[in-house]
């Protein structure tokens, strides 16, 4: 997870709560709309789906918003106590959120929910770290890859022209050829100008 892209505390509490509400209301509303259409009789399917969505979407969105606000509050608390941003804050916040939301159902239920919340956030953070490391590895390999000069080109041929002209995409080939033609025309112009320039006077030995 890219922590630098997230909002600062406590602004992220409001942002995460709003995003969670939209996600819960949208996803839950769509689910109950399809479920209501399936349960309604013929001729009333759209009306039944719309009614089911109107009744259940706000409730699911509110539950998601409560979870998102609690998670962000715990995350900001972990950041304040630990004085740093890292994946452990998300794992701690997930466990604390699962436990606090189920605290009224008893210690055993709250402990189990806290364990599930911590494991879920640990898996999410692990996948995020794995993908980020793969992206960094691919980027470093592309930067360190040697430039391939096609056969027939001299060794001192400009590498930027080789890169532009040797692109595998049609877009790169078109614009690469244009750059190569511009550089060739510039070199020809320079050679012609050298012939037009006045030469030095020929010394006489009289």
C-alpha atoms as a PDB file:
ATOM      1  CA  UNK A   1       0.000   0.000   0.000  1.00  0.00           C
ATOM      2  CA  UNK A   2       1.315   3.393  -0.963  1.00  0.00           C
ATOM      3  CA  UNK A   3       0.986   5.344   2.243  1.00  0.00           C
ATOM      4  CA  UNK A   4       2.162   8.611   0.689  1.00  0.00           C
ATOM      5  CA  UNK A   5      -0.934   8.652  -1.562  1.00  0.00           C
ATOM      6  CA  UNK A   6      -3.369   8.557   1.363  1.00  0.00           C
ATOM      7  CA  UNK A   7      -4.816  11.591   3.092  1.00  0.00           C
ATOM      8  CA  UNK A   8      -3.322  12.768   6.341  1.00  0.00           C
ATOM      9  CA  UNK A   9      -4.966  12.114   9.682  1.00  0.00           C
ATOM     10  CA  UNK A  10      -7.634  12.938  10.652  1.00  0.00           C
ATOM     11  CA  UNK A  11      -8.863  13.836   7.152  1.00  0.00           C
ATOM     12  CA  UNK A  12      -8.560  10.221   6.053  1.00  0.00           C
ATOM     13  CA  UNK A  13     -11.282   9.193   8.531  1.00  0.00           C
ATOM     14  CA  UNK A  14     -13.896  11.208   6.646  1.00  0.00           C
ATOM     15  CA  UNK A  15     -12.527  10.149   3.266  1.00  0.00           C
ATOM     16  CA  UNK A  16     -12.457   6.448   4.114  1.00  0.00           C
ATOM     17  CA  UNK A  17     -15.921   6.586   5.677  1.00  0.00           C
ATOM     18  CA  UNK A  18     -17.366   8.212   2.568  1.00  0.00           C
ATOM     19  CA  UNK A  19     -15.598   5.797   0.241  1.00  0.00           C
ATOM     20  CA  UNK A  20     -16.739   2.807   2.269  1.00  0.00           C
ATOM     21  CA  UNK A  21     -20.336   4.076   2.246  1.00  0.00           C
ATOM     22  CA  UNK A  22     -20.280   4.475  -1.530  1.00  0.00           C
ATOM     23  CA  UNK A  23     -18.765   1.040  -2.031  1.00  0.00           C
ATOM     24  CA  UNK A  24     -21.232  -0.633   0.333  1.00  0.00           C
ATOM     25  CA  UNK A  25     -24.266   1.188  -1.020  1.00  0.00           C
ATOM     26  CA  UNK A  26     -23.281   0.562  -4.641  1.00  0.00           C
ATOM     27  CA  UNK A  27     -22.291  -3.076  -4.298  1.00  0.00           C
ATOM     28  CA  UNK A  28     -25.006  -3.971  -1.803  1.00  0.00           C
ATOM     29  CA  UNK A  29     -27.636  -2.094  -3.797  1.00  0.00           C
ATOM     30  CA  UNK A  30     -26.728  -3.950  -6.970  1.00  0.00           C
ATOM     31  CA  UNK A  31     -26.787  -7.288  -5.160  1.00  0.00           C
ATOM     32  CA  UNK A  32     -30.212  -6.676  -3.634  1.00  0.00           C
ATOM     33  CA  UNK A  33     -31.536  -5.287  -6.904  1.00  0.00           C
ATOM     34  CA  UNK A  34     -30.673  -8.523  -8.694  1.00  0.00           C
ATOM     35  CA  UNK A  35     -31.948 -10.560  -5.768  1.00  0.00           C
ATOM     36  CA  UNK A  36     -35.239  -8.607  -5.738  1.00  0.00           C
ATOM     37  CA  UNK A  37     -35.686  -9.083  -9.471  1.00  0.00           C
ATOM     38  CA  UNK A  38     -35.149 -12.826  -9.101  1.00  0.00           C
ATOM     39  CA  UNK A  39     -37.659 -13.074  -6.233  1.00  0.00           C
ATOM     40  CA  UNK A  40     -40.360 -10.917  -7.858  1.00  0.00           C
ATOM     41  CA  UNK A  41     -43.074 -12.308 -10.129  1.00  0.00           C
ATOM     42  CA  UNK A  42     -43.068 -11.715 -13.865  1.00  0.00           C
ATOM     43  CA  UNK A  43     -44.062  -8.208 -14.842  1.00  0.00           C
ATOM     44  CA  UNK A  44     -42.946  -6.813 -11.471  1.00  0.00           C
ATOM     45  CA  UNK A  45     -39.262  -7.757 -11.553  1.00  0.00           C
ATOM     46  CA  UNK A  46     -37.850  -4.283 -12.104  1.00  0.00           C
ATOM     47  CA  UNK A  47     -40.145  -2.757  -9.521  1.00  0.00           C
ATOM     48  CA  UNK A  48     -39.313  -5.459  -6.992  1.00  0.00           C
ATOM     49  CA  UNK A  49     -35.581  -5.088  -7.619  1.00  0.00           C
ATOM     50  CA  UNK A  50     -35.750  -1.309  -7.209  1.00  0.00           C
ATOM     51  CA  UNK A  51     -37.716  -1.644  -3.969  1.00  0.00           C
ATOM     52  CA  UNK A  52     -35.244  -4.168  -2.548  1.00  0.00           C
ATOM     53  CA  UNK A  53     -32.334  -1.932  -3.488  1.00  0.00           C
ATOM     54  CA  UNK A  54     -33.975   1.149  -1.915  1.00  0.00           C
ATOM     55  CA  UNK A  55     -34.608  -0.724   1.343  1.00  0.00           C
ATOM     56  CA  UNK A  56     -31.220  -2.420   1.755  1.00  0.00           C
ATOM     57  CA  UNK A  57     -28.605  -0.197   0.051  1.00  0.00           C
ATOM     58  CA  UNK A  58     -28.568   2.531   2.777  1.00  0.00           C
ATOM     59  CA  UNK A  59     -28.270  -0.078   5.531  1.00  0.00           C
ATOM     60  CA  UNK A  60     -25.332  -1.831   3.900  1.00  0.00           C
ATOM     61  CA  UNK A  61     -23.703   1.500   3.082  1.00  0.00           C
ATOM     62  CA  UNK A  62     -24.054   2.582   6.714  1.00  0.00           C
ATOM     63  CA  UNK A  63     -22.440  -0.630   7.940  1.00  0.00           C
ATOM     64  CA  UNK A  64     -19.536  -0.161   5.549  1.00  0.00           C
ATOM     65  CA  UNK A  65     -19.184   3.484   6.569  1.00  0.00           C
ATOM     66  CA  UNK A  66     -19.039   2.526  10.247  1.00  0.00           C
ATOM     67  CA  UNK A  67     -16.363  -0.060   9.523  1.00  0.00           C
ATOM     68  CA  UNK A  68     -14.362   2.398   7.392  1.00  0.00           C
ATOM     69  CA  UNK A  69     -14.539   5.180   9.977  1.00  0.00           C
ATOM     70  CA  UNK A  70     -13.531   2.818  12.798  1.00  0.00           C
ATOM     71  CA  UNK A  71     -10.675   1.390  10.749  1.00  0.00           C
ATOM     72  CA  UNK A  72      -9.328   4.835   9.852  1.00  0.00           C
ATOM     73  CA  UNK A  73      -9.601   6.024  13.445  1.00  0.00           C
ATOM     74  CA  UNK A  74      -7.626   2.990  14.650  1.00  0.00           C
ATOM     75  CA  UNK A  75      -5.114   3.478  11.865  1.00  0.00           C
ATOM     76  CA  UNK A  76      -4.572   7.127  12.794  1.00  0.00           C
ATOM     77  CA  UNK A  77      -4.218   6.102  16.447  1.00  0.00           C
ATOM     78  CA  UNK A  78      -1.547   3.554  15.502  1.00  0.00           C
ATOM     79  CA  UNK A  79       0.282   6.176  13.437  1.00  0.00           C
ATOM     80  CA  UNK A  80       0.202   8.611  16.363  1.00  0.00           C
ATOM     81  CA  UNK A  81       1.475   6.033  18.860  1.00  0.00           C
ATOM     82  CA  UNK A  82       4.136   4.439  16.629  1.00  0.00           C
ATOM     83  CA  UNK A  83       5.233   7.667  14.883  1.00  0.00           C
ATOM     84  CA  UNK A  84       5.574   5.994  11.483  1.00  0.00           C
ATOM     85  CA  UNK A  85       3.572   4.698   8.518  1.00  0.00           C
ATOM     86  CA  UNK A  86       4.001   1.032   7.667  1.00  0.00           C
ATOM     87  CA  UNK A  87       1.861  -2.090   7.004  1.00  0.00           C
ATOM     88  CA  UNK A  88       1.757  -2.912  10.712  1.00  0.00           C
ATOM     89  CA  UNK A  89      -0.549   0.048  11.271  1.00  0.00           C
ATOM     90  CA  UNK A  90      -3.109  -1.433   8.880  1.00  0.00           C
ATOM     91  CA  UNK A  91      -2.880  -4.864  10.495  1.00  0.00           C
ATOM     92  CA  UNK A  92      -3.309  -3.413  13.984  1.00  0.00           C
ATOM     93  CA  UNK A  93      -6.196  -1.239  12.787  1.00  0.00           C
ATOM     94  CA  UNK A  94      -7.922  -4.214  11.158  1.00  0.00           C
ATOM     95  CA  UNK A  95      -7.679  -6.303  14.319  1.00  0.00           C
ATOM     96  CA  UNK A  96      -8.835  -3.436  16.528  1.00  0.00           C
ATOM     97  CA  UNK A  97     -11.766  -2.661  14.233  1.00  0.00           C
ATOM     98  CA  UNK A  98     -12.954  -6.256  14.182  1.00  0.00           C
ATOM     99  CA  UNK A  99     -12.771  -6.473  17.959  1.00  0.00           C
ATOM    100  CA  UNK A 100     -14.402  -3.130  18.748  1.00  0.00           C
ATOM    101  CA  UNK A 101     -17.345  -3.612  16.387  1.00  0.00           C
ATOM    102  CA  UNK A 102     -18.218  -6.925  18.059  1.00  0.00           C
ATOM    103  CA  UNK A 103     -17.384  -6.035  21.649  1.00  0.00           C
ATOM    104  CA  UNK A 104     -21.061  -6.104  22.674  1.00  0.00           C
ATOM    105  CA  UNK A 105     -21.333  -9.773  21.697  1.00  0.00           C
ATOM    106  CA  UNK A 106     -18.787 -10.875  24.263  1.00  0.00           C
ATOM    107  CA  UNK A 107     -15.073 -11.198  24.648  1.00  0.00           C
ATOM    108  CA  UNK A 108     -14.861 -14.500  22.780  1.00  0.00           C
ATOM    109  CA  UNK A 109     -16.702 -13.181  19.731  1.00  0.00           C
ATOM    110  CA  UNK A 110     -14.724  -9.944  19.791  1.00  0.00           C
ATOM    111  CA  UNK A 111     -11.411 -11.823  19.989  1.00  0.00           C
ATOM    112  CA  UNK A 112     -12.328 -14.020  17.057  1.00  0.00           C
ATOM    113  CA  UNK A 113     -13.373 -11.010  14.980  1.00  0.00           C
ATOM    114  CA  UNK A 114     -10.147  -9.214  15.889  1.00  0.00           C
ATOM    115  CA  UNK A 115      -8.140 -12.235  14.738  1.00  0.00           C
ATOM    116  CA  UNK A 116     -10.008 -12.420  11.453  1.00  0.00           C
ATOM    117  CA  UNK A 117      -9.630  -8.679  10.894  1.00  0.00           C
ATOM    118  CA  UNK A 118      -5.888  -8.799  11.508  1.00  0.00           C
ATOM    119  CA  UNK A 119      -5.416 -11.793   9.204  1.00  0.00           C
ATOM    120  CA  UNK A 120      -7.475 -10.177   6.449  1.00  0.00           C
ATOM    121  CA  UNK A 121      -5.466  -6.953   6.548  1.00  0.00           C
ATOM    122  CA  UNK A 122      -2.215  -8.926   6.737  1.00  0.00           C
ATOM    123  CA  UNK A 123      -3.116 -10.757   3.518  1.00  0.00           C
ATOM    124  CA  UNK A 124      -4.096  -7.507   1.805  1.00  0.00           C
ATOM    125  CA  UNK A 125      -0.865  -5.805   2.850  1.00  0.00           C
ATOM    126  CA  UNK A 126       1.165  -8.853   1.794  1.00  0.00           C
ATOM    127  CA  UNK A 127      -0.346  -8.816  -1.677  1.00  0.00           C
ATOM    128  CA  UNK A 128       0.282  -5.074  -1.948  1.00  0.00           C
ATOM    129  CA  UNK A 129       3.937  -5.433  -0.929  1.00  0.00           C
ATOM    130  CA  UNK A 130       4.400  -8.320  -3.371  1.00  0.00           C
ATOM    131  CA  UNK A 131       2.972  -6.334  -6.287  1.00  0.00           C
ATOM    132  CA  UNK A 132       5.032  -3.244  -5.426  1.00  0.00           C
ATOM    133  CA  UNK A 133       8.230  -5.290  -5.251  1.00  0.00           C
ATOM    134  CA  UNK A 134       7.475  -6.860  -8.639  1.00  0.00           C
ATOM    135  CA  UNK A 135       6.896  -3.443 -10.180  1.00  0.00           C
ATOM    136  CA  UNK A 136      10.181  -2.139  -8.764  1.00  0.00           C
ATOM    137  CA  UNK A 137      12.057  -5.220  -9.995  1.00  0.00           C
ATOM    138  CA  UNK A 138      10.628  -4.883 -13.500  1.00  0.00           C
ATOM    139  CA  UNK A 139      11.439  -1.163 -13.590  1.00  0.00           C
ATOM    140  CA  UNK A 140      15.042  -1.764 -12.475  1.00  0.00           C
ATOM    141  CA  UNK A 141      15.493  -4.515 -15.073  1.00  0.00           C
ATOM    142  CA  UNK A 142      14.254  -2.209 -17.813  1.00  0.00           C
ATOM    143  CA  UNK A 143      16.630   0.550 -16.716  1.00  0.00           C
ATOM    144  CA  UNK A 144      19.632  -1.786 -16.526  1.00  0.00           C
ATOM    145  CA  UNK A 145      18.901  -3.589 -19.811  1.00  0.00           C
ATOM    146  CA  UNK A 146      21.634  -3.049 -22.442  1.00  0.00           C
ATOM    147  CA  UNK A 147      20.728  -1.167 -25.610  1.00  0.00           C
ATOM    148  CA  UNK A 148      20.492  -3.508 -28.596  1.00  0.00           C
ATOM    149  CA  UNK A 149      22.048  -2.096 -31.776  1.00  0.00           C
ATOM    150  CA  UNK A 150      20.807  -3.918 -34.906  1.00  0.00           C
ATOM    151  CA  UNK A 151      23.305  -5.505 -37.222  1.00  0.00           C
ATOM    152  CA  UNK A 152      24.582  -3.181 -39.929  1.00  0.00           C
ATOM    153  CA  UNK A 153      24.801  -0.088 -37.740  1.00  0.00           C
ATOM    154  CA  UNK A 154      28.245   1.285 -36.855  1.00  0.00           C
ATOM    155  CA  UNK A 155      29.390   0.996 -33.271  1.00  0.00           C
ATOM    156  CA  UNK A 156      29.401   4.781 -32.785  1.00  0.00           C
ATOM    157  CA  UNK A 157      25.848   5.181 -34.126  1.00  0.00           C
ATOM    158  CA  UNK A 158      23.670   7.343 -31.822  1.00  0.00           C
ATOM    159  CA  UNK A 159      21.816   5.097 -29.400  1.00  0.00           C
ATOM    160  CA  UNK A 160      18.803   7.388 -29.187  1.00  0.00           C
ATOM    161  CA  UNK A 161      18.196   6.950 -32.911  1.00  0.00           C
ATOM    162  CA  UNK A 162      18.504   3.186 -32.531  1.00  0.00           C
ATOM    163  CA  UNK A 163      16.020   3.197 -29.656  1.00  0.00           C
ATOM    164  CA  UNK A 164      13.516   5.360 -31.556  1.00  0.00           C
ATOM    165  CA  UNK A 165      13.806   3.524 -34.836  1.00  0.00           C
ATOM    166  CA  UNK A 166      13.895   0.049 -33.333  1.00  0.00           C
ATOM    167  CA  UNK A 167      10.723   0.314 -31.291  1.00  0.00           C
ATOM    168  CA  UNK A 168       8.514  -2.738 -31.519  1.00  0.00           C
ATOM    169  CA  UNK A 169       5.288  -0.699 -31.718  1.00  0.00           C
ATOM    170  CA  UNK A 170       4.036   0.934 -34.893  1.00  0.00           C
ATOM    171  CA  UNK A 171       3.755   4.227 -32.992  1.00  0.00           C
ATOM    172  CA  UNK A 172       7.424   4.122 -32.048  1.00  0.00           C
ATOM    173  CA  UNK A 173       8.504   3.102 -35.543  1.00  0.00           C
ATOM    174  CA  UNK A 174       6.666   6.000 -37.192  1.00  0.00           C
ATOM    175  CA  UNK A 175       8.008   8.691 -34.877  1.00  0.00           C
ATOM    176  CA  UNK A 176      11.396   7.007 -34.640  1.00  0.00           C
ATOM    177  CA  UNK A 177      11.768   7.222 -38.411  1.00  0.00           C
ATOM    178  CA  UNK A 178      10.833  10.883 -38.299  1.00  0.00           C
ATOM    179  CA  UNK A 179      13.521  11.600 -35.704  1.00  0.00           C
ATOM    180  CA  UNK A 180      16.069   9.601 -37.698  1.00  0.00           C
ATOM    181  CA  UNK A 181      15.208  11.448 -40.927  1.00  0.00           C
ATOM    182  CA  UNK A 182      15.469  14.804 -39.117  1.00  0.00           C
ATOM    183  CA  UNK A 183      18.928  13.946 -37.800  1.00  0.00           C
ATOM    184  CA  UNK A 184      20.066  12.703 -41.219  1.00  0.00           C
ATOM    185  CA  UNK A 185      18.783  15.880 -42.887  1.00  0.00           C
ATOM    186  CA  UNK A 186      20.605  17.992 -40.302  1.00  0.00           C
ATOM    187  CA  UNK A 187      23.868  16.158 -40.960  1.00  0.00           C
ATOM    188  CA  UNK A 188      23.451  16.586 -44.736  1.00  0.00           C
ATOM    189  CA  UNK A 189      22.748  20.287 -44.286  1.00  0.00           C
ATOM    190  CA  UNK A 190      25.869  20.680 -42.172  1.00  0.00           C
ATOM    191  CA  UNK A 191      27.980  18.972 -44.878  1.00  0.00           C
ATOM    192  CA  UNK A 192      26.537  21.183 -47.611  1.00  0.00           C
ATOM    193  CA  UNK A 193      27.117  24.310 -45.546  1.00  0.00           C
ATOM    194  CA  UNK A 194      30.727  23.306 -45.066  1.00  0.00           C
ATOM    195  CA  UNK A 195      31.193  23.365 -48.880  1.00  0.00           C
ATOM    196  CA  UNK A 196      29.495  26.754 -49.184  1.00  0.00           C
ATOM    197  CA  UNK A 197      31.678  28.417 -46.553  1.00  0.00           C
ATOM    198  CA  UNK A 198      34.591  30.461 -47.982  1.00  0.00           C
ATOM    199  CA  UNK A 199      37.867  28.638 -47.970  1.00  0.00           C
ATOM    200  CA  UNK A 200      41.110  30.016 -46.649  1.00  0.00           C
ATOM    201  CA  UNK A 201      43.260  31.986 -49.096  1.00  0.00           C
ATOM    202  CA  UNK A 202      45.933  29.952 -50.842  1.00  0.00           C
ATOM    203  CA  UNK A 203      49.361  31.209 -49.808  1.00  0.00           C
ATOM    204  CA  UNK A 204      51.700  32.459 -52.507  1.00  0.00           C
ATOM    205  CA  UNK A 205      55.438  32.037 -52.500  1.00  0.00           C
ATOM    206  CA  UNK A 206      56.362  34.951 -54.788  1.00  0.00           C
END
